[in-house]
C-alpha atoms as a PDB file:
ATOM      1  CA  UNK A   1     317.588 252.497 114.255  1.00  0.00           C
ATOM      2  CA  UNK A   2     320.697 253.795 115.921  1.00  0.00           C
ATOM      3  CA  UNK A   3     320.613 252.749 119.587  1.00  0.00           C
ATOM      4  CA  UNK A   4     320.444 255.813 121.672  1.00  0.00           C
ATOM      5  CA  UNK A   5     322.275 256.142 125.247  1.00  0.00           C
ATOM      6  CA  UNK A   6     319.164 257.013 126.836  1.00  0.00           C
ATOM      7  CA  UNK A   7     315.975 257.933 124.990  1.00  0.00           C
ATOM      8  CA  UNK A   8     312.718 257.101 123.774  1.00  0.00           C
ATOM      9  CA  UNK A   9     310.441 257.251 120.763  1.00  0.00           C
ATOM     10  CA  UNK A  10     306.703 256.478 120.013  1.00  0.00           C
ATOM     11  CA  UNK A  11     306.237 254.437 116.795  1.00  0.00           C
ATOM     12  CA  UNK A  12     302.579 254.966 116.485  1.00  0.00           C
ATOM     13  CA  UNK A  13     299.613 253.322 118.399  1.00  0.00           C
ATOM     14  CA  UNK A  14     300.660 252.303 121.792  1.00  0.00           C
ATOM     15  CA  UNK A  15     304.182 251.168 120.740  1.00  0.00           C
ATOM     16  CA  UNK A  16     307.243 252.708 121.775  1.00  0.00           C
ATOM     17  CA  UNK A  17     310.865 251.907 121.844  1.00  0.00           C
ATOM     18  CA  UNK A  18     313.022 252.864 124.925  1.00  0.00           C
ATOM     19  CA  UNK A  19     316.898 252.521 124.743  1.00  0.00           C
ATOM     20  CA  UNK A  20     317.718 252.429 128.657  1.00  0.00           C
ATOM     21  CA  UNK A  21     320.749 251.043 130.166  1.00  0.00           C
ATOM     22  CA  UNK A  22     322.163 249.500 127.013  1.00  0.00           C
ATOM     23  CA  UNK A  23     319.017 247.785 126.361  1.00  0.00           C
ATOM     24  CA  UNK A  24     316.447 248.098 123.418  1.00  0.00           C
ATOM     25  CA  UNK A  25     312.974 247.726 124.884  1.00  0.00           C
ATOM     26  CA  UNK A  26     309.756 247.739 122.939  1.00  0.00           C
ATOM     27  CA  UNK A  27     306.480 248.442 124.476  1.00  0.00           C
ATOM     28  CA  UNK A  28     303.093 246.940 123.476  1.00  0.00           C
ATOM     29  CA  UNK A  29     304.545 246.221 119.799  1.00  0.00           C
ATOM     30  CA  UNK A  30     302.085 246.652 116.799  1.00  0.00           C
ATOM     31  CA  UNK A  31     303.617 246.385 113.345  1.00  0.00           C
ATOM     32  CA  UNK A  32     300.957 245.297 111.108  1.00  0.00           C
ATOM     33  CA  UNK A  33     299.762 247.082 107.988  1.00  0.00           C
ATOM     34  CA  UNK A  34     296.625 249.341 108.176  1.00  0.00           C
ATOM     35  CA  UNK A  35     293.443 247.192 107.795  1.00  0.00           C
ATOM     36  CA  UNK A  36     290.837 245.279 109.712  1.00  0.00           C
ATOM     37  CA  UNK A  37     291.633 243.228 112.937  1.00  0.00           C
ATOM     38  CA  UNK A  38     288.302 241.801 114.072  1.00  0.00           C
ATOM     39  CA  UNK A  39     286.051 244.578 115.477  1.00  0.00           C
ATOM     40  CA  UNK A  40     288.867 247.111 115.272  1.00  0.00           C
ATOM     41  CA  UNK A  41     290.503 248.833 112.349  1.00  0.00           C
ATOM     42  CA  UNK A  42     293.916 250.063 112.205  1.00  0.00           C
ATOM     43  CA  UNK A  43     294.508 253.229 109.915  1.00  0.00           C
ATOM     44  CA  UNK A  44     298.370 253.632 109.853  1.00  0.00           C
ATOM     45  CA  UNK A  45     301.249 251.536 110.094  1.00  0.00           C
ATOM     46  CA  UNK A  46     304.444 252.327 112.481  1.00  0.00           C
ATOM     47  CA  UNK A  47     306.905 255.082 111.712  1.00  0.00           C
ATOM     48  CA  UNK A  48     309.588 252.358 111.913  1.00  0.00           C
ATOM     49  CA  UNK A  49     309.219 248.501 110.999  1.00  0.00           C
ATOM     50  CA  UNK A  50     310.232 245.705 113.160  1.00  0.00           C
ATOM     51  CA  UNK A  51     313.017 245.060 110.464  1.00  0.00           C
ATOM     52  CA  UNK A  52     314.553 248.338 111.132  1.00  0.00           C
ATOM     53  CA  UNK A  53     314.705 247.977 114.984  1.00  0.00           C
ATOM     54  CA  UNK A  54     317.650 245.767 115.358  1.00  0.00           C
ATOM     55  CA  UNK A  55     318.077 243.348 118.069  1.00  0.00           C
ATOM     56  CA  UNK A  56     315.375 243.610 120.836  1.00  0.00           C
ATOM     57  CA  UNK A  57     316.382 242.882 124.233  1.00  0.00           C
ATOM     58  CA  UNK A  58     313.155 243.158 126.062  1.00  0.00           C
ATOM     59  CA  UNK A  59     309.533 243.601 125.198  1.00  0.00           C
ATOM     60  CA  UNK A  60     307.006 244.702 127.417  1.00  0.00           C
ATOM     61  CA  UNK A  61     303.126 243.928 126.742  1.00  0.00           C
ATOM     62  CA  UNK A  62     300.739 245.554 129.018  1.00  0.00           C
ATOM     63  CA  UNK A  63     297.838 243.063 127.903  1.00  0.00           C
ATOM     64  CA  UNK A  64     297.915 240.670 124.772  1.00  0.00           C
ATOM     65  CA  UNK A  65     294.176 240.550 124.712  1.00  0.00           C
ATOM     66  CA  UNK A  66     293.581 243.264 122.101  1.00  0.00           C
ATOM     67  CA  UNK A  67     294.916 243.563 118.679  1.00  0.00           C
ATOM     68  CA  UNK A  68     295.507 247.371 119.090  1.00  0.00           C
ATOM     69  CA  UNK A  69     298.239 246.383 121.458  1.00  0.00           C
ATOM     70  CA  UNK A  70     299.616 243.083 120.395  1.00  0.00           C
ATOM     71  CA  UNK A  71     299.123 242.374 116.623  1.00  0.00           C
ATOM     72  CA  UNK A  72     300.466 239.925 114.471  1.00  0.00           C
ATOM     73  CA  UNK A  73     303.558 241.128 113.529  1.00  0.00           C
ATOM     74  CA  UNK A  74     304.117 242.443 117.069  1.00  0.00           C
ATOM     75  CA  UNK A  75     303.562 238.970 118.465  1.00  0.00           C
ATOM     76  CA  UNK A  76     306.257 237.618 116.262  1.00  0.00           C
ATOM     77  CA  UNK A  77     308.695 240.147 117.373  1.00  0.00           C
ATOM     78  CA  UNK A  78     307.829 239.472 121.142  1.00  0.00           C
ATOM     79  CA  UNK A  79     308.208 235.719 120.640  1.00  0.00           C
ATOM     80  CA  UNK A  80     311.614 236.216 119.018  1.00  0.00           C
ATOM     81  CA  UNK A  81     313.081 238.386 121.803  1.00  0.00           C
ATOM     82  CA  UNK A  82     315.132 236.851 124.823  1.00  0.00           C
ATOM     83  CA  UNK A  83     312.520 238.086 127.288  1.00  0.00           C
ATOM     84  CA  UNK A  84     308.831 239.286 127.449  1.00  0.00           C
ATOM     85  CA  UNK A  85     307.250 240.563 130.478  1.00  0.00           C
ATOM     86  CA  UNK A  86     303.366 240.904 130.626  1.00  0.00           C
ATOM     87  CA  UNK A  87     300.544 239.936 132.628  1.00  0.00           C
ATOM     88  CA  UNK A  88     300.422 236.586 134.402  1.00  0.00           C
ATOM     89  CA  UNK A  89     297.358 235.574 132.193  1.00  0.00           C
ATOM     90  CA  UNK A  90     299.161 236.654 129.208  1.00  0.00           C
ATOM     91  CA  UNK A  91     302.266 234.862 129.767  1.00  0.00           C
ATOM     92  CA  UNK A  92     300.397 231.790 130.094  1.00  0.00           C
ATOM     93  CA  UNK A  93     298.706 232.483 126.656  1.00  0.00           C
ATOM     94  CA  UNK A  94     302.044 233.527 125.111  1.00  0.00           C
ATOM     95  CA  UNK A  95     304.303 230.923 126.337  1.00  0.00           C
ATOM     96  CA  UNK A  96     308.111 231.194 126.442  1.00  0.00           C
ATOM     97  CA  UNK A  97     309.967 233.601 126.512  1.00  0.00           C
ATOM     98  CA  UNK A  98     307.038 235.538 128.396  1.00  0.00           C
ATOM     99  CA  UNK A  99     307.118 236.109 132.251  1.00  0.00           C
ATOM    100  CA  UNK A 100     304.212 237.134 134.094  1.00  0.00           C
ATOM    101  CA  UNK A 101     304.170 239.744 136.560  1.00  0.00           C
ATOM    102  CA  UNK A 102     301.788 240.883 139.276  1.00  0.00           C
ATOM    103  CA  UNK A 103     301.388 244.385 140.178  1.00  0.00           C
ATOM    104  CA  UNK A 104     304.172 245.563 142.455  1.00  0.00           C
ATOM    105  CA  UNK A 105     306.412 242.507 141.699  1.00  0.00           C
ATOM    106  CA  UNK A 106     309.616 243.187 139.943  1.00  0.00           C
ATOM    107  CA  UNK A 107     312.009 241.257 137.519  1.00  0.00           C
ATOM    108  CA  UNK A 108     315.803 242.028 137.172  1.00  0.00           C
ATOM    109  CA  UNK A 109     317.252 242.490 133.802  1.00  0.00           C
ATOM    110  CA  UNK A 110     320.771 242.469 133.322  1.00  0.00           C
ATOM    111  CA  UNK A 111     322.293 245.374 131.695  1.00  0.00           C
ATOM    112  CA  UNK A 112     325.321 245.183 129.226  1.00  0.00           C
ATOM    113  CA  UNK A 113     327.157 247.407 131.425  1.00  0.00           C
ATOM    114  CA  UNK A 114     327.061 245.159 134.351  1.00  0.00           C
ATOM    115  CA  UNK A 115     324.370 246.851 136.288  1.00  0.00           C
ATOM    116  CA  UNK A 116     320.571 245.842 136.483  1.00  0.00           C
ATOM    117  CA  UNK A 117     317.431 247.094 135.092  1.00  0.00           C
ATOM    118  CA  UNK A 118     314.479 246.576 137.484  1.00  0.00           C
ATOM    119  CA  UNK A 119     311.140 246.198 136.014  1.00  0.00           C
ATOM    120  CA  UNK A 120     308.371 246.719 138.245  1.00  0.00           C
ATOM    121  CA  UNK A 121     304.735 245.860 137.329  1.00  0.00           C
ATOM    122  CA  UNK A 122     302.212 248.528 138.308  1.00  0.00           C
ATOM    123  CA  UNK A 123     298.192 248.265 138.238  1.00  0.00           C
ATOM    124  CA  UNK A 124     296.083 249.535 135.318  1.00  0.00           C
ATOM    125  CA  UNK A 125     292.214 249.622 135.106  1.00  0.00           C
ATOM    126  CA  UNK A 126     290.999 249.084 131.310  1.00  0.00           C
ATOM    127  CA  UNK A 127     287.980 251.056 131.746  1.00  0.00           C
ATOM    128  CA  UNK A 128     285.835 252.979 133.980  1.00  0.00           C
ATOM    129  CA  UNK A 129     286.286 252.465 137.674  1.00  0.00           C
ATOM    130  CA  UNK A 130     282.638 251.450 138.147  1.00  0.00           C
ATOM    131  CA  UNK A 131     282.534 249.055 135.382  1.00  0.00           C
ATOM    132  CA  UNK A 132     281.550 245.541 135.975  1.00  0.00           C
ATOM    133  CA  UNK A 133     284.506 243.352 136.634  1.00  0.00           C
ATOM    134  CA  UNK A 134     285.153 239.932 135.710  1.00  0.00           C
ATOM    135  CA  UNK A 135     285.636 236.849 137.867  1.00  0.00           C
ATOM    136  CA  UNK A 136     289.280 237.591 138.367  1.00  0.00           C
ATOM    137  CA  UNK A 137     288.423 241.259 139.467  1.00  0.00           C
ATOM    138  CA  UNK A 138     289.652 243.079 136.177  1.00  0.00           C
ATOM    139  CA  UNK A 139     287.756 245.685 134.198  1.00  0.00           C
ATOM    140  CA  UNK A 140     287.818 244.346 130.401  1.00  0.00           C
ATOM    141  CA  UNK A 141     290.909 242.367 131.134  1.00  0.00           C
ATOM    142  CA  UNK A 142     294.038 242.080 133.163  1.00  0.00           C
ATOM    143  CA  UNK A 143     296.363 244.686 132.310  1.00  0.00           C
ATOM    144  CA  UNK A 144     299.783 246.092 133.948  1.00  0.00           C
ATOM    145  CA  UNK A 145     301.964 249.050 133.318  1.00  0.00           C
ATOM    146  CA  UNK A 146     305.765 249.245 134.127  1.00  0.00           C
ATOM    147  CA  UNK A 147     308.169 251.213 136.037  1.00  0.00           C
ATOM    148  CA  UNK A 148     311.820 250.988 134.787  1.00  0.00           C
ATOM    149  CA  UNK A 149     314.644 251.891 137.231  1.00  0.00           C
ATOM    150  CA  UNK A 150     318.129 251.102 137.924  1.00  0.00           C
ATOM    151  CA  UNK A 151     321.450 252.804 139.362  1.00  0.00           C
ATOM    152  CA  UNK A 152     322.088 256.020 137.320  1.00  0.00           C
ATOM    153  CA  UNK A 153     319.123 255.517 135.104  1.00  0.00           C
ATOM    154  CA  UNK A 154     315.851 257.762 134.821  1.00  0.00           C
ATOM    155  CA  UNK A 155     312.914 256.328 136.408  1.00  0.00           C
ATOM    156  CA  UNK A 156     310.413 255.505 133.305  1.00  0.00           C
ATOM    157  CA  UNK A 157     306.680 254.707 133.769  1.00  0.00           C
ATOM    158  CA  UNK A 158     305.065 253.061 130.861  1.00  0.00           C
ATOM    159  CA  UNK A 159     301.355 253.274 131.662  1.00  0.00           C
ATOM    160  CA  UNK A 160     299.475 250.680 129.559  1.00  0.00           C
ATOM    161  CA  UNK A 161     295.819 250.908 128.746  1.00  0.00           C
ATOM    162  CA  UNK A 162     294.789 252.576 132.021  1.00  0.00           C
ATOM    163  CA  UNK A 163     291.901 254.877 132.568  1.00  0.00           C
ATOM    164  CA  UNK A 164     291.940 255.307 136.138  1.00  0.00           C
ATOM    165  CA  UNK A 165     292.990 258.397 137.846  1.00  0.00           C
ATOM    166  CA  UNK A 166     293.103 256.875 141.328  1.00  0.00           C
ATOM    167  CA  UNK A 167     295.395 254.114 139.806  1.00  0.00           C
ATOM    168  CA  UNK A 168     297.811 256.809 138.672  1.00  0.00           C
ATOM    169  CA  UNK A 169     297.633 258.608 142.053  1.00  0.00           C
ATOM    170  CA  UNK A 170     298.632 255.120 143.863  1.00  0.00           C
ATOM    171  CA  UNK A 171     301.605 254.946 141.384  1.00  0.00           C
ATOM    172  CA  UNK A 172     302.648 258.313 141.828  1.00  0.00           C
ATOM    173  CA  UNK A 173     302.641 257.791 145.643  1.00  0.00           C
ATOM    174  CA  UNK A 174     304.418 254.575 145.795  1.00  0.00           C
ATOM    175  CA  UNK A 175     307.140 255.676 143.148  1.00  0.00           C
ATOM    176  CA  UNK A 176     307.671 259.453 144.154  1.00  0.00           C
ATOM    177  CA  UNK A 177     310.627 260.022 141.704  1.00  0.00           C
ATOM    178  CA  UNK A 178     309.281 259.229 138.074  1.00  0.00           C
ATOM    179  CA  UNK A 179     311.195 261.218 135.541  1.00  0.00           C
ATOM    180  CA  UNK A 180     309.305 260.144 132.507  1.00  0.00           C
ATOM    181  CA  UNK A 181     306.118 258.728 131.380  1.00  0.00           C
ATOM    182  CA  UNK A 182     304.935 256.951 128.173  1.00  0.00           C
ATOM    183  CA  UNK A 183     301.439 257.863 128.983  1.00  0.00           C
ATOM    184  CA  UNK A 184     298.477 255.572 126.821  1.00  0.00           C
ATOM    185  CA  UNK A 185     295.785 258.099 126.087  1.00  0.00           C
ATOM    186  CA  UNK A 186     293.248 258.424 122.991  1.00  0.00           C
ATOM    187  CA  UNK A 187     290.231 257.865 124.904  1.00  0.00           C
ATOM    188  CA  UNK A 188     289.610 254.537 123.291  1.00  0.00           C
ATOM    189  CA  UNK A 189     286.035 253.713 122.717  1.00  0.00           C
ATOM    190  CA  UNK A 190     284.129 250.575 121.881  1.00  0.00           C
ATOM    191  CA  UNK A 191     280.298 251.020 121.548  1.00  0.00           C
ATOM    192  CA  UNK A 192     279.590 247.271 122.830  1.00  0.00           C
ATOM    193  CA  UNK A 193     281.750 247.964 125.939  1.00  0.00           C
ATOM    194  CA  UNK A 194     280.889 249.979 129.172  1.00  0.00           C
ATOM    195  CA  UNK A 195     278.248 252.319 127.445  1.00  0.00           C
ATOM    196  CA  UNK A 196     280.825 253.560 124.998  1.00  0.00           C
ATOM    197  CA  UNK A 197     282.843 255.070 127.894  1.00  0.00           C
ATOM    198  CA  UNK A 198     286.584 255.535 127.462  1.00  0.00           C
ATOM    199  CA  UNK A 199     288.765 252.524 128.040  1.00  0.00           C
ATOM    200  CA  UNK A 200     292.107 254.527 128.139  1.00  0.00           C
ATOM    201  CA  UNK A 201     292.716 258.095 129.516  1.00  0.00           C
ATOM    202  CA  UNK A 202     291.136 261.032 127.536  1.00  0.00           C
ATOM    203  CA  UNK A 203     293.265 263.993 127.093  1.00  0.00           C
ATOM    204  CA  UNK A 204     291.804 265.972 130.068  1.00  0.00           C
ATOM    205  CA  UNK A 205     292.673 262.999 132.363  1.00  0.00           C
ATOM    206  CA  UNK A 206     295.803 262.713 130.796  1.00  0.00           C
ATOM    207  CA  UNK A 207     296.558 266.073 131.751  1.00  0.00           C
ATOM    208  CA  UNK A 208     295.408 265.535 135.211  1.00  0.00           C
ATOM    209  CA  UNK A 209     297.696 262.115 135.441  1.00  0.00           C
ATOM    210  CA  UNK A 210     300.500 264.529 134.302  1.00  0.00           C
ATOM    211  CA  UNK A 211     299.767 266.935 137.219  1.00  0.00           C
ATOM    212  CA  UNK A 212     299.712 264.168 139.801  1.00  0.00           C
ATOM    213  CA  UNK A 213     303.006 262.730 138.498  1.00  0.00           C
ATOM    214  CA  UNK A 214     304.822 265.832 139.374  1.00  0.00           C
ATOM    215  CA  UNK A 215     307.741 266.822 137.408  1.00  0.00           C
ATOM    216  CA  UNK A 216     308.028 263.867 134.911  1.00  0.00           C
ATOM    217  CA  UNK A 217     308.172 264.470 131.199  1.00  0.00           C
ATOM    218  CA  UNK A 218     305.151 263.221 129.571  1.00  0.00           C
ATOM    219  CA  UNK A 219     305.344 261.160 126.316  1.00  0.00           C
ATOM    220  CA  UNK A 220     301.871 260.446 124.927  1.00  0.00           C
ATOM    221  CA  UNK A 221     301.222 257.073 123.050  1.00  0.00           C
ATOM    222  CA  UNK A 222     297.868 255.225 122.064  1.00  0.00           C
ATOM    223  CA  UNK A 223     296.308 258.325 120.603  1.00  0.00           C
ATOM    224  CA  UNK A 224     296.192 257.631 116.685  1.00  0.00           C
ATOM    225  CA  UNK A 225     296.532 254.856 114.361  1.00  0.00           C
ATOM    226  CA  UNK A 226     293.041 253.021 115.208  1.00  0.00           C
ATOM    227  CA  UNK A 227     289.680 254.165 114.465  1.00  0.00           C
ATOM    228  CA  UNK A 228     288.449 253.606 118.035  1.00  0.00           C
ATOM    229  CA  UNK A 229     290.729 256.121 119.441  1.00  0.00           C
ATOM    230  CA  UNK A 230     288.546 258.771 119.916  1.00  0.00           C
ATOM    231  CA  UNK A 231     290.957 261.719 120.868  1.00  0.00           C
ATOM    232  CA  UNK A 232     294.213 262.708 118.829  1.00  0.00           C
ATOM    233  CA  UNK A 233     297.078 264.950 119.147  1.00  0.00           C
ATOM    234  CA  UNK A 234     295.023 268.276 118.961  1.00  0.00           C
ATOM    235  CA  UNK A 235     293.010 267.194 121.940  1.00  0.00           C
ATOM    236  CA  UNK A 236     296.014 266.603 123.822  1.00  0.00           C
ATOM    237  CA  UNK A 237     297.732 269.805 122.960  1.00  0.00           C
ATOM    238  CA  UNK A 238     294.608 271.743 124.104  1.00  0.00           C
ATOM    239  CA  UNK A 239     294.093 269.783 127.213  1.00  0.00           C
ATOM    240  CA  UNK A 240     297.786 270.161 128.279  1.00  0.00           C
ATOM    241  CA  UNK A 241     297.620 274.000 127.427  1.00  0.00           C
ATOM    242  CA  UNK A 242     294.329 274.336 129.503  1.00  0.00           C
ATOM    243  CA  UNK A 243     295.910 272.696 132.405  1.00  0.00           C
ATOM    244  CA  UNK A 244     299.225 274.987 132.084  1.00  0.00           C
ATOM    245  CA  UNK A 245     301.304 271.774 131.578  1.00  0.00           C
ATOM    246  CA  UNK A 246     302.575 272.407 127.845  1.00  0.00           C
ATOM    247  CA  UNK A 247     306.207 272.727 129.103  1.00  0.00           C
ATOM    248  CA  UNK A 248     306.047 268.904 130.293  1.00  0.00           C
ATOM    249  CA  UNK A 249     304.494 267.615 127.162  1.00  0.00           C
ATOM    250  CA  UNK A 250     306.646 265.844 124.663  1.00  0.00           C
ATOM    251  CA  UNK A 251     304.506 265.396 121.875  1.00  0.00           C
ATOM    252  CA  UNK A 252     306.774 264.983 118.731  1.00  0.00           C
ATOM    253  CA  UNK A 253     306.669 263.336 115.143  1.00  0.00           C
ATOM    254  CA  UNK A 254     306.664 259.437 115.525  1.00  0.00           C
ATOM    255  CA  UNK A 255     310.055 258.076 115.380  1.00  0.00           C
ATOM    256  CA  UNK A 256     311.621 261.021 116.950  1.00  0.00           C
ATOM    257  CA  UNK A 257     313.874 260.375 119.843  1.00  0.00           C
ATOM    258  CA  UNK A 258     313.143 262.118 123.179  1.00  0.00           C
ATOM    259  CA  UNK A 259     316.090 262.146 125.586  1.00  0.00           C
ATOM    260  CA  UNK A 260     315.412 260.722 129.030  1.00  0.00           C
ATOM    261  CA  UNK A 261     317.363 262.160 131.850  1.00  0.00           C
ATOM    262  CA  UNK A 262     317.491 260.957 135.711  1.00  0.00           C
ATOM    263  CA  UNK A 263     316.688 263.571 138.320  1.00  0.00           C
ATOM    264  CA  UNK A 264     319.650 265.188 139.544  1.00  0.00           C
END
């Protein structure tokens, strides 16, 4: 893949590539072929293989606990990268080069042009707000999203697997100038978890999140490629149309670059 000046593309499932500030960044890498992964089943491979990516400078992993966010080949790509940013518990499981971030803490990544990219971890709730939490206070498992920012760069929010509108509102309140969002949708459901309620945003709540996030362009991810994603492309189109937000929806074929532009 030819490096872009400033753009993003979704490869399928949750996996996105962001070329920002001279850095190639991959989020939630999943590159395995279709097939079973324990209790989950993958139905489609990525639009671009890991071998076609070229050198990767940074990998963002919202959580390493589930194979639809980090599969075997995605893990190999991550561990071969110079830097991985993920949850605190995930960094312990992955080992080097992973660094764990708590919500609202940041990591500075040097850019080839001499500037810096600031990666700030933000909270995510991987299931219903009222669901039972584990001993560490997490729904399902520890998950984070990411805010990417820096001088002369667009502010980009990568949501990770978040189902909480209240969390989106908190992020919007604390980061008021978001330019683009890689928004995990798909209403993931697993019958054994939380009475089969959605573990990620359904399409209506994705549109509500877009409304909360102001003028930001919305790049959906995490809505196809796995059988437990219960809502897909057509549901997103309908929900954004119903909400009058179609003009901000960037729903294109996987592997298609979407320009990222900073606010004027």
